[in-house]
C-alpha atoms as a PDB file:
ATOM      1  CA  GLY A   1       0.000   0.000   0.000  1.00  0.00           C
ATOM      2  CA  GLY A   2       0.887   3.682   0.093  1.00  0.00           C
ATOM      3  CA  SER A   3       2.753   3.648   3.391  1.00  0.00           C
ATOM      4  CA  GLY A   4       4.714   0.569   2.360  1.00  0.00           C
ATOM      5  CA  ARG A   5       5.765   2.155  -0.937  1.00  0.00           C
ATOM      6  CA  ALA A   6       6.769   5.328   0.917  1.00  0.00           C
ATOM      7  CA  ALA A   7       8.867   3.290   3.354  1.00  0.00           C
ATOM      8  CA  VAL A   8      10.573   1.423   0.501  1.00  0.00           C
ATOM      9  CA  ALA A   9      11.391   4.687  -1.281  1.00  0.00           C
ATOM     10  CA  GLU A  10      12.793   6.273   1.877  1.00  0.00           C
ATOM     11  CA  LEU A  11      14.880   3.235   2.850  1.00  0.00           C
ATOM     12  CA  VAL A  12      16.360   3.046  -0.658  1.00  0.00           C
ATOM     13  CA  ARG A  13      17.083   6.769  -0.555  1.00  0.00           C
ATOM     14  CA  ARG A  14      19.072   6.170   2.621  1.00  0.00           C
ATOM     15  CA  GLY A  15      21.151   3.414   1.043  1.00  0.00           C
ATOM     16  CA  HIS A  16      19.369   0.258   2.200  1.00  0.00           C
ATOM     17  CA  GLU A  17      18.766  -2.867   0.121  1.00  0.00           C
ATOM     18  CA  VAL A  18      15.049  -3.676   0.375  1.00  0.00           C
ATOM     19  CA  THR A  19      12.999  -6.814  -0.201  1.00  0.00           C
ATOM     20  CA  ALA A  20       9.304  -5.910  -0.564  1.00  0.00           C
ATOM     21  CA  VAL A  21       6.551  -8.514  -0.354  1.00  0.00           C
ATOM     22  CA  SER A  22       2.846  -8.131  -1.082  1.00  0.00           C
ATOM     23  CA  ARG A  23       0.366  -9.655  -3.484  1.00  0.00           C
ATOM     24  CA  HIS A  24       1.499  -7.178  -6.163  1.00  0.00           C
ATOM     25  CA  ALA A  25       5.080  -6.315  -5.183  1.00  0.00           C
ATOM     26  CA  ALA A  26       6.908  -7.506  -8.306  1.00  0.00           C
ATOM     27  CA  ALA A  27       6.241  -4.153  -9.974  1.00  0.00           C
ATOM     28  CA  LEU A  28       8.424  -2.499  -7.300  1.00  0.00           C
ATOM     29  CA  THR A  29      11.564  -4.322  -8.448  1.00  0.00           C
ATOM     30  CA  GLY A  30      14.270  -1.850  -9.407  1.00  0.00           C
ATOM     31  CA  PRO A  31      17.600  -0.478  -8.176  1.00  0.00           C
ATOM     32  CA  HIS A  32      18.148  -1.764  -4.614  1.00  0.00           C
ATOM     33  CA  VAL A  33      14.605  -3.212  -4.413  1.00  0.00           C
ATOM     34  CA  ARG A  34      13.543  -6.837  -4.882  1.00  0.00           C
ATOM     35  CA  GLY A  35       9.775  -7.107  -5.191  1.00  0.00           C
ATOM     36  CA  VAL A  36       8.235 -10.472  -4.342  1.00  0.00           C
ATOM     37  CA  ASP A  37       4.605 -11.369  -5.017  1.00  0.00           C
ATOM     38  CA  GLY A  38       3.337 -13.343  -2.057  1.00  0.00           C
ATOM     39  CA  ASP A  39       0.978 -13.643   0.887  1.00  0.00           C
ATOM     40  CA  ALA A  40       2.329 -12.103   4.086  1.00  0.00           C
ATOM     41  CA  THR A  41       0.191 -14.473   6.163  1.00  0.00           C
ATOM     42  CA  ASP A  42       1.740 -17.594   4.586  1.00  0.00           C
ATOM     43  CA  PRO A  43       4.314 -19.121   6.983  1.00  0.00           C
ATOM     44  CA  ALA A  44       6.591 -20.537   4.269  1.00  0.00           C
ATOM     45  CA  THR A  45       6.661 -17.278   2.303  1.00  0.00           C
ATOM     46  CA  VAL A  46       7.395 -15.192   5.369  1.00  0.00           C
ATOM     47  CA  ASP A  47      10.050 -17.572   6.694  1.00  0.00           C
ATOM     48  CA  ALA A  48      11.967 -17.559   3.418  1.00  0.00           C
ATOM     49  CA  LEU A  49      11.936 -13.772   3.133  1.00  0.00           C
ATOM     50  CA  VAL A  50      12.806 -12.975   6.757  1.00  0.00           C
ATOM     51  CA  ALA A  51      15.962 -15.105   6.658  1.00  0.00           C
ATOM     52  CA  GLY A  52      19.040 -12.912   6.217  1.00  0.00           C
ATOM     53  CA  GLN A  53      17.319  -9.567   6.783  1.00  0.00           C
ATOM     54  CA  ASP A  54      18.514  -6.952   9.289  1.00  0.00           C
ATOM     55  CA  ALA A  55      15.073  -5.512  10.044  1.00  0.00           C
ATOM     56  CA  ILE A  56      11.436  -6.034   9.104  1.00  0.00           C
ATOM     57  CA  VAL A  57       8.812  -3.355   8.434  1.00  0.00           C
ATOM     58  CA  VAL A  58       5.136  -4.396   8.488  1.00  0.00           C
ATOM     59  CA  THR A  59       2.582  -2.100   6.812  1.00  0.00           C
ATOM     60  CA  ILE A  60      -0.283  -4.545   6.358  1.00  0.00           C
ATOM     61  CA  GLY A  61      -3.869  -3.391   5.841  1.00  0.00           C
ATOM     62  CA  ILE A  62      -7.129  -3.784   3.947  1.00  0.00           C
ATOM     63  CA  SER A  63      -7.382  -1.490   0.936  1.00  0.00           C
ATOM     64  CA  GLU A  64     -11.071  -2.114   0.224  1.00  0.00           C
ATOM     65  CA  ASN A  65     -13.852   0.400   0.866  1.00  0.00           C
ATOM     66  CA  PRO A  66     -14.362   0.518   4.659  1.00  0.00           C
ATOM     67  CA  VAL A  67     -18.162   0.738   4.375  1.00  0.00           C
ATOM     68  CA  ARG A  68     -18.253  -2.437   2.302  1.00  0.00           C
ATOM     69  CA  VAL A  69     -15.835  -4.166   4.678  1.00  0.00           C
ATOM     70  CA  ARG A  70     -18.005  -3.236   7.674  1.00  0.00           C
ATOM     71  CA  LEU A  71     -21.258  -4.380   6.069  1.00  0.00           C
ATOM     72  CA  ARG A  72     -20.131  -7.464   4.141  1.00  0.00           C
ATOM     73  CA  GLY A  73     -16.578  -8.213   5.184  1.00  0.00           C
ATOM     74  CA  PRO A  74     -13.524  -7.897   2.942  1.00  0.00           C
ATOM     75  CA  ALA A  75     -13.674  -9.633  -0.428  1.00  0.00           C
ATOM     76  CA  GLY A  76     -10.014 -10.441  -0.971  1.00  0.00           C
ATOM     77  CA  THR A  77      -8.256 -10.056   2.371  1.00  0.00           C
ATOM     78  CA  PRO A  78      -8.855 -11.784   5.727  1.00  0.00           C
ATOM     79  CA  ILE A  79     -10.311  -9.416   8.326  1.00  0.00           C
ATOM     80  CA  ASP A  80      -7.519 -10.486  10.710  1.00  0.00           C
ATOM     81  CA  VAL A  81      -4.732  -9.971   8.149  1.00  0.00           C
ATOM     82  CA  ARG A  82      -2.797  -7.549  10.369  1.00  0.00           C
ATOM     83  CA  SER A  83      -2.482  -9.778  13.409  1.00  0.00           C
ATOM     84  CA  ARG A  84      -1.950 -12.940  11.334  1.00  0.00           C
ATOM     85  CA  ALA A  85       0.854 -11.420   9.289  1.00  0.00           C
ATOM     86  CA  THR A  86       2.532  -9.924  12.361  1.00  0.00           C
ATOM     87  CA  ARG A  87       2.340 -13.274  14.155  1.00  0.00           C
ATOM     88  CA  GLU A  88       4.052 -15.021  11.236  1.00  0.00           C
ATOM     89  CA  VAL A  89       6.710 -12.320  10.973  1.00  0.00           C
ATOM     90  CA  VAL A  90       7.491 -12.483  14.697  1.00  0.00           C
ATOM     91  CA  ALA A  91       7.762 -16.291  14.615  1.00  0.00           C
ATOM     92  CA  ALA A  92      10.097 -16.188  11.595  1.00  0.00           C
ATOM     93  CA  MET A  93      12.241 -13.474  13.169  1.00  0.00           C
ATOM     94  CA  ARG A  94      12.719 -15.569  16.280  1.00  0.00           C
ATOM     95  CA  ARG A  95      13.767 -18.562  14.198  1.00  0.00           C
ATOM     96  CA  HIS A  96      16.298 -16.570  12.173  1.00  0.00           C
ATOM     97  CA  GLY A  97      17.632 -14.275  14.898  1.00  0.00           C
ATOM     98  CA  VAL A  98      16.352 -11.011  13.387  1.00  0.00           C
ATOM     99  CA  ARG A  99      15.733  -8.449  16.123  1.00  0.00           C
ATOM    100  CA  ARG A 100      14.317  -5.157  14.750  1.00  0.00           C
ATOM    101  CA  VAL A 101      10.661  -5.084  13.724  1.00  0.00           C
ATOM    102  CA  VAL A 102       8.692  -1.931  12.888  1.00  0.00           C
ATOM    103  CA  VAL A 103       4.913  -2.242  12.628  1.00  0.00           C
ATOM    104  CA  GLN A 104       2.452   0.399  11.465  1.00  0.00           C
ATOM    105  CA  SER A 105      -0.867   0.460  13.314  1.00  0.00           C
ATOM    106  CA  SER A 106      -3.181   3.443  13.838  1.00  0.00           C
ATOM    107  CA  TYR A 107      -3.415   6.333  16.240  1.00  0.00           C
ATOM    108  CA  GLY A 108      -6.128   5.325  18.681  1.00  0.00           C
ATOM    109  CA  VAL A 109      -4.882   1.765  19.197  1.00  0.00           C
ATOM    110  CA  GLY A 110      -3.379   0.568  22.463  1.00  0.00           C
ATOM    111  CA  SER A 111      -1.671   3.325  24.434  1.00  0.00           C
ATOM    112  CA  THR A 112      -3.324   6.106  22.390  1.00  0.00           C
ATOM    113  CA  ARG A 113      -6.850   4.664  22.591  1.00  0.00           C
ATOM    114  CA  ASP A 114      -8.073   7.261  25.096  1.00  0.00           C
ATOM    115  CA  ARG A 115      -6.591  10.199  23.179  1.00  0.00           C
ATOM    116  CA  LEU A 116      -8.927  10.045  20.185  1.00  0.00           C
ATOM    117  CA  PRO A 117     -11.360  12.916  19.590  1.00  0.00           C
ATOM    118  CA  PHE A 118     -14.982  11.915  20.144  1.00  0.00           C
ATOM    119  CA  GLY A 119     -15.860  12.040  16.431  1.00  0.00           C
ATOM    120  CA  THR A 120     -13.011   9.704  15.550  1.00  0.00           C
ATOM    121  CA  ARG A 121     -14.000   7.298  18.314  1.00  0.00           C
ATOM    122  CA  LEU A 122     -17.461   7.195  16.797  1.00  0.00           C
ATOM    123  CA  VAL A 123     -16.055   6.399  13.346  1.00  0.00           C
ATOM    124  CA  PHE A 124     -13.917   3.646  14.830  1.00  0.00           C
ATOM    125  CA  ALA A 125     -16.885   2.151  16.693  1.00  0.00           C
ATOM    126  CA  LEU A 126     -19.387   2.303  13.830  1.00  0.00           C
ATOM    127  CA  LEU A 127     -17.263   1.799  10.738  1.00  0.00           C
ATOM    128  CA  LEU A 128     -13.898   0.299  11.619  1.00  0.00           C
ATOM    129  CA  ALA A 129     -14.542  -1.794  14.741  1.00  0.00           C
ATOM    130  CA  PRO A 130     -13.431  -5.201  13.334  1.00  0.00           C
ATOM    131  CA  GLN A 131     -10.289  -3.727  11.779  1.00  0.00           C
ATOM    132  CA  ILE A 132      -9.385  -1.791  14.923  1.00  0.00           C
ATOM    133  CA  ALA A 133      -9.919  -4.947  17.004  1.00  0.00           C
ATOM    134  CA  ASP A 134      -7.433  -6.736  14.750  1.00  0.00           C
ATOM    135  CA  GLU A 135      -4.965  -3.869  15.111  1.00  0.00           C
ATOM    136  CA  GLU A 136      -5.285  -4.234  18.887  1.00  0.00           C
ATOM    137  CA  ARG A 137      -4.387  -7.921  18.544  1.00  0.00           C
ATOM    138  CA  MET A 138      -1.489  -6.991  16.265  1.00  0.00           C
ATOM    139  CA  SER A 139      -0.211  -4.494  18.827  1.00  0.00           C
ATOM    140  CA  SER A 140      -0.413  -7.124  21.565  1.00  0.00           C
ATOM    141  CA  GLU A 141       1.495  -9.625  19.409  1.00  0.00           C
ATOM    142  CA  LEU A 142       4.191  -7.036  18.854  1.00  0.00           C
ATOM    143  CA  ARG A 143       4.584  -6.084  22.517  1.00  0.00           C
ATOM    144  CA  ALA A 144       4.741  -9.711  23.630  1.00  0.00           C
ATOM    145  CA  SER A 145       7.302 -10.644  20.965  1.00  0.00           C
ATOM    146  CA  GLY A 146      10.444 -10.019  23.018  1.00  0.00           C
ATOM    147  CA  LEU A 147      11.951  -8.400  19.909  1.00  0.00           C
ATOM    148  CA  ASP A 148      13.285  -4.880  19.402  1.00  0.00           C
ATOM    149  CA  TRP A 149       9.907  -3.548  18.283  1.00  0.00           C
ATOM    150  CA  VAL A 150       8.693  -0.100  17.282  1.00  0.00           C
ATOM    151  CA  GLU A 151       5.011   0.683  16.719  1.00  0.00           C
ATOM    152  CA  VAL A 152       4.262   3.592  14.383  1.00  0.00           C
ATOM    153  CA  GLN A 153       0.777   5.071  14.841  1.00  0.00           C
ATOM    154  CA  PRO A 154      -0.152   7.652  12.211  1.00  0.00           C
ATOM    155  CA  VAL A 155      -3.352   9.687  12.322  1.00  0.00           C
ATOM    156  CA  TYR A 156      -5.509   9.985   9.158  1.00  0.00           C
ATOM    157  CA  LEU A 157      -3.336   9.282   6.106  1.00  0.00           C
ATOM    158  CA  THR A 158      -3.223  11.499   3.026  1.00  0.00           C
ATOM    159  CA  ASP A 159      -1.384  11.330  -0.308  1.00  0.00           C
ATOM    160  CA  ASP A 160      -0.163  14.929  -0.037  1.00  0.00           C
ATOM    161  CA  ASP A 161       3.453  15.524  -1.053  1.00  0.00           C
ATOM    162  CA  VAL A 162       4.471  17.237   2.190  1.00  0.00           C
ATOM    163  CA  PRO A 163       8.151  18.324   2.447  1.00  0.00           C
ATOM    164  CA  GLN A 164       8.083  18.995   6.198  1.00  0.00           C
ATOM    165  CA  ALA A 165       9.357  16.469   8.689  1.00  0.00           C
ATOM    166  CA  PRO A 166       6.483  14.808  10.572  1.00  0.00           C
ATOM    167  CA  PHE A 167       5.915  15.208  14.277  1.00  0.00           C
ATOM    168  CA  ALA A 168       6.513  11.859  15.990  1.00  0.00           C
ATOM    169  CA  SER A 169       5.955  11.502  19.714  1.00  0.00           C
ATOM    170  CA  PRO A 170       6.438   8.514  22.075  1.00  0.00           C
ATOM    171  CA  ASP A 171       3.972  10.172  24.469  1.00  0.00           C
ATOM    172  CA  GLY A 172       0.919  10.056  22.201  1.00  0.00           C
ATOM    173  CA  GLU A 173       1.030  13.788  21.456  1.00  0.00           C
ATOM    174  CA  ILE A 174      -0.117  14.924  18.005  1.00  0.00           C
ATOM    175  CA  ARG A 175      -0.201  18.292  16.219  1.00  0.00           C
ATOM    176  CA  SER A 176      -3.079  17.572  13.804  1.00  0.00           C
ATOM    177  CA  MET A 177      -5.360  14.735  12.708  1.00  0.00           C
ATOM    178  CA  LYS A 178      -3.660  14.126   9.363  1.00  0.00           C
ATOM    179  CA  VAL A 179      -0.263  13.102   8.047  1.00  0.00           C
ATOM    180  CA  SER A 180       1.001  12.184   4.588  1.00  0.00           C
ATOM    181  CA  ARG A 181       2.126   8.693   3.678  1.00  0.00           C
ATOM    182  CA  ARG A 182       5.441  10.165   2.597  1.00  0.00           C
ATOM    183  CA  GLN A 183       5.941  11.530   6.115  1.00  0.00           C
ATOM    184  CA  VAL A 184       5.009   8.171   7.639  1.00  0.00           C
ATOM    185  CA  GLY A 185       7.555   6.477   5.372  1.00  0.00           C
ATOM    186  CA  ARG A 186      10.235   8.670   6.883  1.00  0.00           C
ATOM    187  CA  VAL A 187       9.271   7.677  10.420  1.00  0.00           C
ATOM    188  CA  LEU A 188       9.219   3.988   9.457  1.00  0.00           C
ATOM    189  CA  ALA A 189      12.753   4.352   8.075  1.00  0.00           C
ATOM    190  CA  ASP A 190      13.874   6.216  11.194  1.00  0.00           C
ATOM    191  CA  ALA A 191      12.533   3.370  13.332  1.00  0.00           C
ATOM    192  CA  VAL A 192      14.680   0.908  11.376  1.00  0.00           C
ATOM    193  CA  GLU A 193      17.827   2.959  11.915  1.00  0.00           C
ATOM    194  CA  HIS A 194      17.594   4.427  15.424  1.00  0.00           C
ATOM    195  CA  ASP A 195      17.922   2.493  18.669  1.00  0.00           C
ATOM    196  CA  ASP A 196      16.417   5.184  20.886  1.00  0.00           C
ATOM    197  CA  VAL A 197      12.871   4.441  19.676  1.00  0.00           C
ATOM    198  CA  VAL A 198      12.995   0.697  20.406  1.00  0.00           C
ATOM    199  CA  ARG A 199       9.961  -0.504  22.395  1.00  0.00           C
ATOM    200  CA  CYS A 200       8.174   2.794  21.772  1.00  0.00           C
ATOM    201  CA  SER A 201       4.829   3.589  20.189  1.00  0.00           C
ATOM    202  CA  LEU A 202       5.252   6.703  18.061  1.00  0.00           C
ATOM    203  CA  ALA A 203       2.201   8.865  17.390  1.00  0.00           C
ATOM    204  CA  VAL A 204       2.786  10.480  13.984  1.00  0.00           C
ATOM    205  CA  SER A 205       1.096  13.621  12.685  1.00  0.00           C
ATOM    206  CA  HIS A 206       1.696  16.625  10.481  1.00  0.00           C
ATOM    207  CA  ASP A 207       2.741  19.784  12.306  1.00  0.00           C
ATOM    208  CA  PRO A 208       1.043  22.718  10.513  1.00  0.00           C
ATOM    209  CA  GLU A 209       3.482  25.176  12.087  1.00  0.00           C
ATOM    210  CA  ALA A 210       6.632  23.325  11.033  1.00  0.00           C
ATOM    211  CA  GLN A 211       8.804  24.761   8.296  1.00  0.00           C
ATOM    212  CA  ALA A 212      10.065  22.710   5.373  1.00  0.00           C
ATOM    213  CA  ALA A 213      13.368  21.170   6.430  1.00  0.00           C
ATOM    214  CA  PRO A 214      15.968  18.714   5.149  1.00  0.00           C
ATOM    215  CA  GLN A 215      14.895  15.085   5.208  1.00  0.00           C
ATOM    216  CA  ARG A 216      17.308  14.258   8.034  1.00  0.00           C
ATOM    217  CA  ARG A 217      15.129  16.202  10.515  1.00  0.00           C
ATOM    218  CA  SER A 218      12.650  13.336  10.580  1.00  0.00           C
ATOM    219  CA  ALA A 219      15.088  11.341  12.715  1.00  0.00           C
ATOM    220  CA  THR A 220      15.085  14.105  15.318  1.00  0.00           C
ATOM    221  CA  ALA A 221      11.293  14.216  15.290  1.00  0.00           C
ATOM    222  CA  ALA A 222      11.098  10.477  15.940  1.00  0.00           C
ATOM    223  CA  ARG A 223      13.280  10.833  19.022  1.00  0.00           C
ATOM    224  CA  ARG A 224      11.098  13.432  20.751  1.00  0.00           C
END
């Protein structure tokens, strides 16, 4: 999805070699990127791809219309895809001795549950309840993993091309209720590279008062 592509682009920009897996990842293959078509909930697929990696980034989700998913269930993706994929990733990482795992969930899950505005809580309850419940399970899987985990919790995602560094807080603080996928990709890459955010949940938002700054500032934001 959008956040995954943004993370791949940012990691490559920083000099990493990236293996990307999704049902349609082969199109991503290019300089420093190996795209693999596959199911992230399949144990054999995940095990083979985790072996030899230095870190894993999980940006799993359901791309279908949320109203349809709520009324009829997803057509092509299991409703518990987030927790299932994370469980398989964690198990494979333990087998292969890979320590760093970065997982994207949502602001309003786990430690930030009580910080949501009332209107957003209503949307979660009425429209997204099954998906949020699965994100809660995913978050629990992550925290119980014993690995060097980082949970990235963006607010509402946009496709805006925002040059500013995002605001990322381990205390659940946010500066707005939106953030671009490009900004989230920067925080995901920071979480791969920086040890001072290990075992933190980072609330990620756009700061309307921030000035455009060099890309490197995103690392500072993630350490706040």
